[in-house]
Amino acid sequence: CDLVIVTTYEPVGERPYDREASLQVMADDFYDDNLF
């Protein structure tokens, strides 16, 4: 299986729920867009 590590420095939201939702989209899109 592919194992990918991505570190970011982005404002993703003050509340934990917002941070989680933003990172979920960012991580999924990064995996999809790079065809892993």
All heavy atoms as atom14 arrays in JSON, in Angstrom:
{
  "sequence": "CDLVIVTTYEPVGERPYDREASLQVMADDFYDDNLF",
  "atom14_mask": [
    [1, 1, 1, 1, 1, 1, 0, 0, 0, 0, 0, 0, 0, 0],
    [1, 1, 1, 1, 1, 1, 1, 1, 0, 0, 0, 0, 0, 0],
    [1, 1, 1, 1, 1, 1, 1, 1, 0, 0, 0, 0, 0, 0],
    [1, 1, 1, 1, 1, 1, 1, 0, 0, 0, 0, 0, 0, 0],
    [1, 1, 1, 1, 1, 1, 1, 1, 0, 0, 0, 0, 0, 0],
    [1, 1, 1, 1, 1, 1, 1, 0, 0, 0, 0, 0, 0, 0],
    [1, 1, 1, 1, 1, 1, 1, 0, 0, 0, 0, 0, 0, 0],
    [1, 1, 1, 1, 1, 1, 1, 0, 0, 0, 0, 0, 0, 0],
    [1, 1, 1, 1, 1, 1, 1, 1, 1, 1, 1, 1, 0, 0],
    [1, 1, 1, 1, 1, 1, 1, 1, 1, 0, 0, 0, 0, 0],
    [1, 1, 1, 1, 1, 1, 1, 0, 0, 0, 0, 0, 0, 0],
    [1, 1, 1, 1, 1, 1, 1, 0, 0, 0, 0, 0, 0, 0],
    [1, 1, 1, 1, 0, 0, 0, 0, 0, 0, 0, 0, 0, 0],
    [1, 1, 1, 1, 1, 1, 1, 1, 1, 0, 0, 0, 0, 0],
    [1, 1, 1, 1, 1, 1, 1, 1, 1, 1, 1, 0, 0, 0],
    [1, 1, 1, 1, 1, 1, 1, 0, 0, 0, 0, 0, 0, 0],
    [1, 1, 1, 1, 1, 1, 1, 1, 1, 1, 1, 1, 0, 0],
    [1, 1, 1, 1, 1, 1, 1, 1, 0, 0, 0, 0, 0, 0],
    [1, 1, 1, 1, 1, 1, 1, 1, 1, 1, 1, 0, 0, 0],
    [1, 1, 1, 1, 1, 1, 1, 1, 1, 0, 0, 0, 0, 0],
    [1, 1, 1, 1, 1, 0, 0, 0, 0, 0, 0, 0, 0, 0],
    [1, 1, 1, 1, 1, 1, 0, 0, 0, 0, 0, 0, 0, 0],
    [1, 1, 1, 1, 1, 1, 1, 1, 0, 0, 0, 0, 0, 0],
    [1, 1, 1, 1, 1, 1, 1, 1, 1, 0, 0, 0, 0, 0],
    [1, 1, 1, 1, 1, 1, 1, 0, 0, 0, 0, 0, 0, 0],
    [1, 1, 1, 1, 1, 1, 1, 1, 0, 0, 0, 0, 0, 0],
    [1, 1, 1, 1, 1, 0, 0, 0, 0, 0, 0, 0, 0, 0],
    [1, 1, 1, 1, 1, 1, 1, 1, 0, 0, 0, 0, 0, 0],
    [1, 1, 1, 1, 1, 1, 1, 1, 0, 0, 0, 0, 0, 0],
    [1, 1, 1, 1, 1, 1, 1, 1, 1, 1, 1, 0, 0, 0],
    [1, 1, 1, 1, 1, 1, 1, 1, 1, 1, 1, 1, 0, 0],
    [1, 1, 1, 1, 1, 1, 1, 1, 0, 0, 0, 0, 0, 0],
    [1, 1, 1, 1, 1, 1, 1, 1, 0, 0, 0, 0, 0, 0],
    [1, 1, 1, 1, 1, 1, 1, 1, 0, 0, 0, 0, 0, 0],
    [1, 1, 1, 1, 1, 1, 1, 1, 0, 0, 0, 0, 0, 0],
    [1, 1, 1, 1, 1, 1, 1, 1, 1, 1, 1, 0, 0, 0]
  ],
  "atom14_positions": [
    [[0.86, -1.19, 0.0], [0.0, 0.0, 0.0], [0.9, 1.24, 0.0], [2.01, 1.2, 0.53], [-0.93, 0.02, 1.21], [-0.09, 0.12, 2.81], [0.0, 0.0, 0.0], [0.0, 0.0, 0.0], [0.0, 0.0, 0.0], [0.0, 0.0, 0.0], [0.0, 0.0, 0.0], [0.0, 0.0, 0.0], [0.0, 0.0, 0.0], [0.0, 0.0, 0.0]],
    [[0.42, 2.32, -0.61], [1.16, 3.58, -0.61], [1.07, 4.22, 0.77], [0.02, 4.21, 1.4], [0.58, 4.53, -1.66], [1.04, 4.17, -3.07], [1.83, 3.22, -3.21], [0.59, 4.84, -4.02], [0.0, 0.0, 0.0], [0.0, 0.0, 0.0], [0.0, 0.0, 0.0], [0.0, 0.0, 0.0], [0.0, 0.0, 0.0], [0.0, 0.0, 0.0]],
    [[2.18, 4.8, 1.21], [2.24, 5.49, 2.5], [2.8, 6.89, 2.25], [3.96, 7.03, 1.87], [3.13, 4.72, 3.49], [2.65, 3.3, 3.82], [3.7, 2.54, 4.61], [1.33, 3.35, 4.59], [0.0, 0.0, 0.0], [0.0, 0.0, 0.0], [0.0, 0.0, 0.0], [0.0, 0.0, 0.0], [0.0, 0.0, 0.0], [0.0, 0.0, 0.0]],
    [[1.96, 7.9, 2.45], [2.3, 9.26, 2.08], [2.25, 10.17, 3.31], [1.33, 10.04, 4.13], [1.34, 9.8, 0.99], [1.78, 11.18, 0.52], [1.27, 8.82, -0.19], [0.0, 0.0, 0.0], [0.0, 0.0, 0.0], [0.0, 0.0, 0.0], [0.0, 0.0, 0.0], [0.0, 0.0, 0.0], [0.0, 0.0, 0.0], [0.0, 0.0, 0.0]],
    [[3.21, 11.07, 3.42], [3.28, 12.04, 4.52], [3.22, 13.45, 3.93], [4.0, 13.78, 3.03], [4.56, 11.87, 5.33], [4.63, 10.46, 5.94], [4.66, 12.94, 6.42], [5.98, 10.14, 6.55], [0.0, 0.0, 0.0], [0.0, 0.0, 0.0], [0.0, 0.0, 0.0], [0.0, 0.0, 0.0], [0.0, 0.0, 0.0], [0.0, 0.0, 0.0]],
    [[2.32, 14.27, 4.45], [2.18, 15.66, 4.0], [2.13, 16.56, 5.23], [1.27, 16.37, 6.11], [0.91, 15.87, 3.15], [0.85, 17.31, 2.66], [0.86, 14.89, 1.98], [0.0, 0.0, 0.0], [0.0, 0.0, 0.0], [0.0, 0.0, 0.0], [0.0, 0.0, 0.0], [0.0, 0.0, 0.0], [0.0, 0.0, 0.0], [0.0, 0.0, 0.0]],
    [[3.04, 17.52, 5.31], [2.95, 18.53, 6.37], [2.54, 19.86, 5.73], [2.95, 20.18, 4.61], [4.3, 18.71, 7.09], [5.24, 19.34, 6.22], [4.84, 17.37, 7.56], [0.0, 0.0, 0.0], [0.0, 0.0, 0.0], [0.0, 0.0, 0.0], [0.0, 0.0, 0.0], [0.0, 0.0, 0.0], [0.0, 0.0, 0.0], [0.0, 0.0, 0.0]],
    [[1.68, 20.6, 6.43], [1.18, 21.87, 5.91], [1.29, 22.96, 6.97], [1.47, 22.68, 8.17], [-0.3, 21.74, 5.49], [-1.09, 21.43, 6.64], [-0.47, 20.66, 4.45], [0.0, 0.0, 0.0], [0.0, 0.0, 0.0], [0.0, 0.0, 0.0], [0.0, 0.0, 0.0], [0.0, 0.0, 0.0], [0.0, 0.0, 0.0], [0.0, 0.0, 0.0]],
    [[1.15, 24.19, 6.52], [1.1, 25.34, 7.42], [-0.01, 26.24, 6.9], [0.23, 27.24, 6.21], [2.44, 26.07, 7.45], [2.56, 27.08, 8.57], [2.93, 26.7, 9.84], [2.27, 28.42, 8.33], [3.02, 27.62, 10.87], [2.36, 29.37, 9.35], [2.73, 28.96, 10.61], [2.82, 29.88, 11.64], [0.0, 0.0, 0.0], [0.0, 0.0, 0.0]],
    [[-1.25, 25.83, 7.2], [-2.42, 26.51, 6.64], [-3.44, 26.82, 7.75], [-3.63, 26.0, 8.67], [-3.11, 25.62, 5.6], [-2.25, 25.27, 4.4], [-2.02, 26.44, 3.48], [-2.8, 27.41, 3.56], [-1.08, 26.38, 2.67], [0.0, 0.0, 0.0], [0.0, 0.0, 0.0], [0.0, 0.0, 0.0], [0.0, 0.0, 0.0], [0.0, 0.0, 0.0]],
    [[-4.12, 27.98, 7.68], [-5.21, 28.24, 8.62], [-6.4, 27.36, 8.26], [-6.97, 27.48, 7.17], [-5.53, 29.72, 8.39], [-5.04, 30.01, 7.0], [-3.88, 29.12, 6.76], [0.0, 0.0, 0.0], [0.0, 0.0, 0.0], [0.0, 0.0, 0.0], [0.0, 0.0, 0.0], [0.0, 0.0, 0.0], [0.0, 0.0, 0.0], [0.0, 0.0, 0.0]],
    [[-6.75, 26.46, 9.15], [-7.81, 25.5, 8.85], [-9.02, 25.64, 9.77], [-9.95, 24.82, 9.7], [-7.27, 24.05, 8.95], [-6.3, 23.77, 7.81], [-6.62, 23.8, 10.3], [0.0, 0.0, 0.0], [0.0, 0.0, 0.0], [0.0, 0.0, 0.0], [0.0, 0.0, 0.0], [0.0, 0.0, 0.0], [0.0, 0.0, 0.0], [0.0, 0.0, 0.0]],
    [[-9.03, 26.66, 10.62], [-10.2, 26.88, 11.48], [-9.84, 26.92, 12.95], [-8.95, 26.2, 13.4], [0.0, 0.0, 0.0], [0.0, 0.0, 0.0], [0.0, 0.0, 0.0], [0.0, 0.0, 0.0], [0.0, 0.0, 0.0], [0.0, 0.0, 0.0], [0.0, 0.0, 0.0], [0.0, 0.0, 0.0], [0.0, 0.0, 0.0], [0.0, 0.0, 0.0]],
    [[-10.57, 27.75, 13.68], [-10.31, 27.88, 15.11], [-10.88, 26.7, 15.89], [-10.28, 26.24, 16.86], [-10.93, 29.19, 15.63], [-10.29, 30.45, 15.04], [-8.87, 30.66, 15.53], [-8.51, 30.06, 16.56], [-8.12, 31.42, 14.87], [0.0, 0.0, 0.0], [0.0, 0.0, 0.0], [0.0, 0.0, 0.0], [0.0, 0.0, 0.0], [0.0, 0.0, 0.0]],
    [[-12.06, 26.23, 15.5], [-12.7, 25.16, 16.25], [-12.18, 23.79, 15.79], [-11.85, 23.61, 14.61], [-14.21, 25.21, 16.05], [-14.87, 26.48, 16.58], [-16.36, 26.47, 16.32], [-16.66, 26.39, 14.89], [-17.9, 26.32, 14.39], [-18.93, 26.32, 15.22], [-18.09, 26.25, 13.09], [0.0, 0.0, 0.0], [0.0, 0.0, 0.0], [0.0, 0.0, 0.0]],
    [[-12.08, 22.82, 16.72], [-11.59, 21.48, 16.36], [-12.38, 20.86, 15.22], [-11.8, 20.2, 14.34], [-11.75, 20.68, 17.67], [-11.67, 21.72, 18.74], [-12.31, 22.95, 18.17], [0.0, 0.0, 0.0], [0.0, 0.0, 0.0], [0.0, 0.0, 0.0], [0.0, 0.0, 0.0], [0.0, 0.0, 0.0], [0.0, 0.0, 0.0], [0.0, 0.0, 0.0]],
    [[-13.7, 21.05, 15.22], [-14.51, 20.46, 14.15], [-14.14, 21.04, 12.8], [-14.04, 20.32, 11.79], [-15.99, 20.69, 14.43], [-16.89, 20.2, 13.32], [-17.22, 18.85, 13.22], [-17.37, 21.08, 12.34], [-18.03, 18.38, 12.19], [-18.18, 20.63, 11.31], [-18.5, 19.28, 11.24], [-19.29, 18.82, 10.22], [0.0, 0.0, 0.0], [0.0, 0.0, 0.0]],
    [[-13.91, 22.35, 12.74], [-13.53, 22.99, 11.48], [-12.17, 22.49, 11.01], [-11.97, 22.27, 9.81], [-13.51, 24.51, 11.65], [-14.89, 25.09, 11.93], [-15.89, 24.46, 11.51], [-14.98, 26.14, 12.6], [0.0, 0.0, 0.0], [0.0, 0.0, 0.0], [0.0, 0.0, 0.0], [0.0, 0.0, 0.0], [0.0, 0.0, 0.0], [0.0, 0.0, 0.0]],
    [[-11.25, 22.35, 11.94], [-9.91, 21.86, 11.57], [-10.0, 20.44, 11.01], [-9.36, 20.11, 10.0], [-8.99, 21.89, 12.79], [-8.7, 23.29, 13.31], [-7.48, 23.3, 14.2], [-7.64, 22.51, 15.41], [-8.01, 23.01, 16.57], [-8.3, 24.31, 16.67], [-8.11, 22.24, 17.64], [0.0, 0.0, 0.0], [0.0, 0.0, 0.0], [0.0, 0.0, 0.0]],
    [[-10.8, 19.62, 11.66], [-10.94, 18.23, 11.22], [-11.57, 18.16, 9.83], [-11.1, 17.42, 8.96], [-11.79, 17.46, 12.22], [-11.99, 16.0, 11.88], [-12.73, 15.25, 12.95], [-12.53, 15.55, 14.15], [-13.53, 14.35, 12.61], [0.0, 0.0, 0.0], [0.0, 0.0, 0.0], [0.0, 0.0, 0.0], [0.0, 0.0, 0.0], [0.0, 0.0, 0.0]],
    [[-12.62, 18.94, 9.62], [-13.31, 18.93, 8.32], [-12.39, 19.44, 7.21], [-12.36, 18.88, 6.1], [-14.58, 19.77, 8.4], [0.0, 0.0, 0.0], [0.0, 0.0, 0.0], [0.0, 0.0, 0.0], [0.0, 0.0, 0.0], [0.0, 0.0, 0.0], [0.0, 0.0, 0.0], [0.0, 0.0, 0.0], [0.0, 0.0, 0.0], [0.0, 0.0, 0.0]],
    [[-11.63, 20.49, 7.5], [-10.74, 21.06, 6.49], [-9.62, 20.08, 6.12], [-9.31, 19.88, 4.94], [-10.13, 22.37, 7.0], [-11.13, 23.35, 7.21], [0.0, 0.0, 0.0], [0.0, 0.0, 0.0], [0.0, 0.0, 0.0], [0.0, 0.0, 0.0], [0.0, 0.0, 0.0], [0.0, 0.0, 0.0], [0.0, 0.0, 0.0], [0.0, 0.0, 0.0]],
    [[-9.02, 19.47, 7.15], [-7.93, 18.53, 6.87], [-8.42, 17.29, 6.15], [-7.71, 16.72, 5.32], [-7.25, 18.14, 8.18], [-6.16, 19.07, 8.69], [-5.44, 18.45, 9.87], [-5.15, 19.41, 7.6], [0.0, 0.0, 0.0], [0.0, 0.0, 0.0], [0.0, 0.0, 0.0], [0.0, 0.0, 0.0], [0.0, 0.0, 0.0], [0.0, 0.0, 0.0]],
    [[-9.63, 16.86, 6.46], [-10.18, 15.7, 5.76], [-10.25, 15.97, 4.26], [-9.83, 15.14, 3.45], [-11.58, 15.38, 6.29], [-12.29, 14.28, 5.51], [-13.71, 14.08, 5.98], [-13.96, 13.95, 7.18], [-14.65, 14.07, 5.05], [0.0, 0.0, 0.0], [0.0, 0.0, 0.0], [0.0, 0.0, 0.0], [0.0, 0.0, 0.0], [0.0, 0.0, 0.0]],
    [[-10.78, 17.12, 3.9], [-10.9, 17.47, 2.47], [-9.52, 17.62, 1.84], [-9.27, 17.11, 0.73], [-11.71, 18.77, 2.32], [-11.7, 19.22, 0.86], [-13.14, 18.56, 2.8], [0.0, 0.0, 0.0], [0.0, 0.0, 0.0], [0.0, 0.0, 0.0], [0.0, 0.0, 0.0], [0.0, 0.0, 0.0], [0.0, 0.0, 0.0], [0.0, 0.0, 0.0]],
    [[-8.61, 18.28, 2.54], [-7.27, 18.5, 2.0], [-6.54, 17.17, 1.79], [-5.9, 16.96, 0.76], [-6.47, 19.4, 2.95], [-6.98, 20.83, 3.01], [-6.24, 21.78, 4.38], [-4.5, 21.69, 3.96], [0.0, 0.0, 0.0], [0.0, 0.0, 0.0], [0.0, 0.0, 0.0], [0.0, 0.0, 0.0], [0.0, 0.0, 0.0], [0.0, 0.0, 0.0]],
    [[-6.63, 16.27, 2.77], [-5.94, 14.99, 2.67], [-6.52, 14.13, 1.55], [-5.79, 13.54, 0.74], [-6.02, 14.25, 4.0], [0.0, 0.0, 0.0], [0.0, 0.0, 0.0], [0.0, 0.0, 0.0], [0.0, 0.0, 0.0], [0.0, 0.0, 0.0], [0.0, 0.0, 0.0], [0.0, 0.0, 0.0], [0.0, 0.0, 0.0], [0.0, 0.0, 0.0]],
    [[-7.86, 14.05, 1.49], [-8.5, 13.25, 0.45], [-8.19, 13.79, -0.94], [-7.88, 13.02, -1.87], [-10.01, 13.22, 0.66], [-10.4, 12.43, 1.9], [-9.54, 11.72, 2.44], [-11.57, 12.53, 2.33], [0.0, 0.0, 0.0], [0.0, 0.0, 0.0], [0.0, 0.0, 0.0], [0.0, 0.0, 0.0], [0.0, 0.0, 0.0], [0.0, 0.0, 0.0]],
    [[-8.26, 15.11, -1.1], [-7.98, 15.7, -2.41], [-6.53, 15.5, -2.82], [-6.23, 15.27, -4.0], [-8.32, 17.2, -2.39], [-9.82, 17.45, -2.36], [-10.59, 16.48, -2.56], [-10.23, 18.61, -2.12], [0.0, 0.0, 0.0], [0.0, 0.0, 0.0], [0.0, 0.0, 0.0], [0.0, 0.0, 0.0], [0.0, 0.0, 0.0], [0.0, 0.0, 0.0]],
    [[-5.62, 15.59, -1.86], [-4.21, 15.4, -2.18], [-3.98, 13.97, -2.66], [-3.24, 13.74, -3.64], [-3.34, 15.68, -0.94], [-1.89, 15.85, -1.24], [-1.35, 17.11, -1.44], [-1.04, 14.76, -1.35], [0.0, 17.28, -1.73], [0.3, 14.9, -1.64], [0.83, 16.18, -1.83], [0.0, 0.0, 0.0], [0.0, 0.0, 0.0], [0.0, 0.0, 0.0]],
    [[-4.61, 13.01, -2.01], [-4.47, 11.6, -2.42], [-5.08, 11.38, -3.81], [-4.47, 10.74, -4.68], [-5.16, 10.71, -1.4], [-4.81, 9.24, -1.52], [-3.78, 8.69, -0.78], [-5.54, 8.4, -2.37], [-3.46, 7.34, -0.88], [-5.23, 7.06, -2.49], [-4.19, 6.53, -1.73], [-3.87, 5.2, -1.87], [0.0, 0.0, 0.0], [0.0, 0.0, 0.0]],
    [[-6.27, 11.95, -4.02], [-6.95, 11.77, -5.29], [-6.21, 12.46, -6.44], [-5.99, 11.87, -7.51], [-8.38, 12.32, -5.22], [-9.25, 11.54, -4.26], [-8.78, 10.5, -3.75], [-10.39, 11.97, -3.99], [0.0, 0.0, 0.0], [0.0, 0.0, 0.0], [0.0, 0.0, 0.0], [0.0, 0.0, 0.0], [0.0, 0.0, 0.0], [0.0, 0.0, 0.0]],
    [[-5.83, 13.72, -6.22], [-5.23, 14.51, -7.29], [-3.89, 13.94, -7.75], [-3.5, 14.1, -8.92], [-5.04, 15.96, -6.84], [-6.38, 16.66, -6.6], [-7.42, 16.13, -7.07], [-6.39, 17.71, -5.94], [0.0, 0.0, 0.0], [0.0, 0.0, 0.0], [0.0, 0.0, 0.0], [0.0, 0.0, 0.0], [0.0, 0.0, 0.0], [0.0, 0.0, 0.0]],
    [[-3.17, 13.3, -6.83], [-1.86, 12.74, -7.18], [-1.93, 11.27, -7.59], [-0.88, 10.64, -7.79], [-0.9, 12.91, -6.01], [-0.44, 14.35, -5.84], [0.43, 14.83, -6.55], [-1.06, 15.05, -4.89], [0.0, 0.0, 0.0], [0.0, 0.0, 0.0], [0.0, 0.0, 0.0], [0.0, 0.0, 0.0], [0.0, 0.0, 0.0], [0.0, 0.0, 0.0]],
    [[-3.15, 10.74, -7.68], [-3.38, 9.39, -8.23], [-2.67, 8.3, -7.45], [-2.22, 7.29, -8.02], [-2.93, 9.34, -9.7], [-3.44, 10.45, -10.61], [-2.89, 10.28, -12.03], [-4.97, 10.46, -10.63], [0.0, 0.0, 0.0], [0.0, 0.0, 0.0], [0.0, 0.0, 0.0], [0.0, 0.0, 0.0], [0.0, 0.0, 0.0], [0.0, 0.0, 0.0]],
    [[-2.58, 8.45, -6.11], [-1.91, 7.44, -5.31], [-2.72, 6.15, -5.26], [-3.92, 6.13, -5.5], [-1.69, 7.96, -3.88], [-0.61, 8.99, -3.78], [-0.9, 10.3, -3.4], [0.71, 8.68, -4.08], [0.09, 11.26, -3.3], [1.71, 9.63, -3.99], [1.4, 10.93, -3.6], [0.0, 0.0, 0.0], [0.0, 0.0, 0.0], [0.0, 0.0, 0.0]]
  ]
}
